[in-house]
Amino acid sequence: MKKGIHPENYRLVAFKDMSNDTVFITRSCATTKETLEVEGVEYPVVKLEISNTSHPFYTGKVKLVDTAGRVDQFYQRYKNRKK
């Protein structure tokens, strides 16, 4: 790795998933203005819209999309058009 290109200000930061209020703490250099108290310790907080605790791929609640039906509808709609 090259010297001098990596940030030096890593610290513990709380990441909060806003969709289900899950909080996890990890090291980061993300800037933030807000703080959050977790187990009596105050951490800078980064708010997330989605994380592994709410993403459909990780939760197993994936919606199946009928892509074959949509493709057929597309071809039926535009089959008479010239290229």
Protein backbone atom coordinates (compact mmCIF):
# COMPACT_ATOMS: atom_id res chain seq x y z
CA MET A 1 0.00 0.00 0.00
CA LYS A 2 1.09 3.54 -0.67
CA LYS A 3 2.13 5.63 2.30
CA GLY A 4 0.24 8.80 3.17
CA ILE A 5 -2.94 8.23 1.15
CA HIS A 6 -5.09 6.59 3.83
CA PRO A 7 -7.01 8.65 6.42
CA GLU A 8 -5.64 8.73 9.94
CA ASN A 9 -8.84 9.74 11.74
CA TYR A 10 -10.55 6.34 12.11
CA ARG A 11 -12.78 6.19 15.16
CA LEU A 12 -15.74 4.16 16.42
CA VAL A 13 -18.96 5.25 14.69
CA ALA A 14 -22.54 4.02 15.17
CA PHE A 15 -24.40 3.22 11.94
CA LYS A 16 -28.19 3.29 12.32
CA ASP A 17 -30.54 1.64 9.84
CA MET A 18 -33.51 4.01 9.76
CA SER A 19 -35.94 1.42 8.36
CA ASN A 20 -35.73 -0.90 11.38
CA ASP A 21 -33.69 1.08 13.98
CA THR A 22 -30.84 -1.45 14.07
CA VAL A 23 -27.54 0.04 15.26
CA PHE A 24 -24.08 -1.40 14.71
CA ILE A 25 -20.74 0.07 15.69
CA THR A 26 -17.61 -0.10 13.58
CA ARG A 27 -14.54 1.98 12.81
CA SER A 28 -15.00 4.70 10.21
CA CYS A 29 -13.76 8.13 9.21
CA ALA A 30 -17.20 9.28 7.98
CA THR A 31 -18.03 12.82 9.05
CA THR A 32 -21.22 13.45 10.98
CA LYS A 33 -22.83 16.16 13.08
CA GLU A 34 -25.13 13.96 15.17
CA THR A 35 -24.35 11.62 18.06
CA LEU A 36 -26.11 8.59 19.51
CA GLU A 37 -25.75 6.99 22.92
CA VAL A 38 -25.31 3.21 22.83
CA GLU A 39 -24.89 1.31 26.11
CA GLY A 40 -23.87 4.48 27.93
CA VAL A 41 -21.24 5.54 25.39
CA GLU A 42 -21.82 8.41 22.97
CA TYR A 43 -20.81 7.78 19.34
CA PRO A 44 -21.04 9.86 16.16
CA VAL A 45 -23.95 8.41 14.16
CA VAL A 46 -24.33 7.82 10.41
CA LYS A 47 -27.91 7.17 9.32
CA LEU A 48 -28.50 4.53 6.65
CA GLU A 49 -31.60 3.93 4.55
CA ILE A 50 -30.86 0.23 4.17
CA SER A 51 -28.37 -2.24 5.65
CA ASN A 52 -27.89 -5.99 5.80
CA THR A 53 -30.62 -6.19 8.46
CA SER A 54 -33.28 -4.72 6.16
CA HIS A 55 -32.11 -5.52 2.61
CA PRO A 56 -34.38 -8.09 0.92
CA PHE A 57 -31.42 -10.16 -0.29
CA TYR A 58 -30.16 -10.74 3.26
CA THR A 59 -33.57 -11.04 4.94
CA GLY A 60 -34.90 -13.59 2.44
CA LYS A 61 -37.95 -11.48 1.59
CA VAL A 62 -37.12 -11.04 -2.08
CA LYS A 63 -39.97 -10.18 -4.43
CA LEU A 64 -39.98 -12.20 -7.60
CA VAL A 65 -40.67 -10.09 -10.66
CA ASP A 66 -42.43 -11.58 -13.65
CA THR A 67 -39.86 -10.45 -16.18
CA ALA A 68 -40.88 -12.97 -18.83
CA GLY A 69 -44.43 -11.63 -18.80
CA ARG A 70 -43.18 -8.06 -19.09
CA VAL A 71 -40.92 -8.92 -22.00
CA ASP A 72 -43.81 -10.64 -23.80
CA GLN A 73 -46.01 -7.61 -23.22
CA PHE A 74 -43.29 -5.38 -24.66
CA TYR A 75 -42.99 -7.50 -27.81
CA GLN A 76 -46.77 -7.63 -28.23
CA ARG A 77 -47.03 -3.86 -27.89
CA TYR A 78 -44.25 -3.07 -30.38
CA LYS A 79 -44.39 -6.03 -32.79
CA ASN A 80 -45.84 -3.98 -35.67
CA ARG A 81 -43.20 -1.26 -35.57
CA LYS A 82 -40.50 -1.14 -38.22
CA LYS A 83 -36.84 -1.24 -37.24
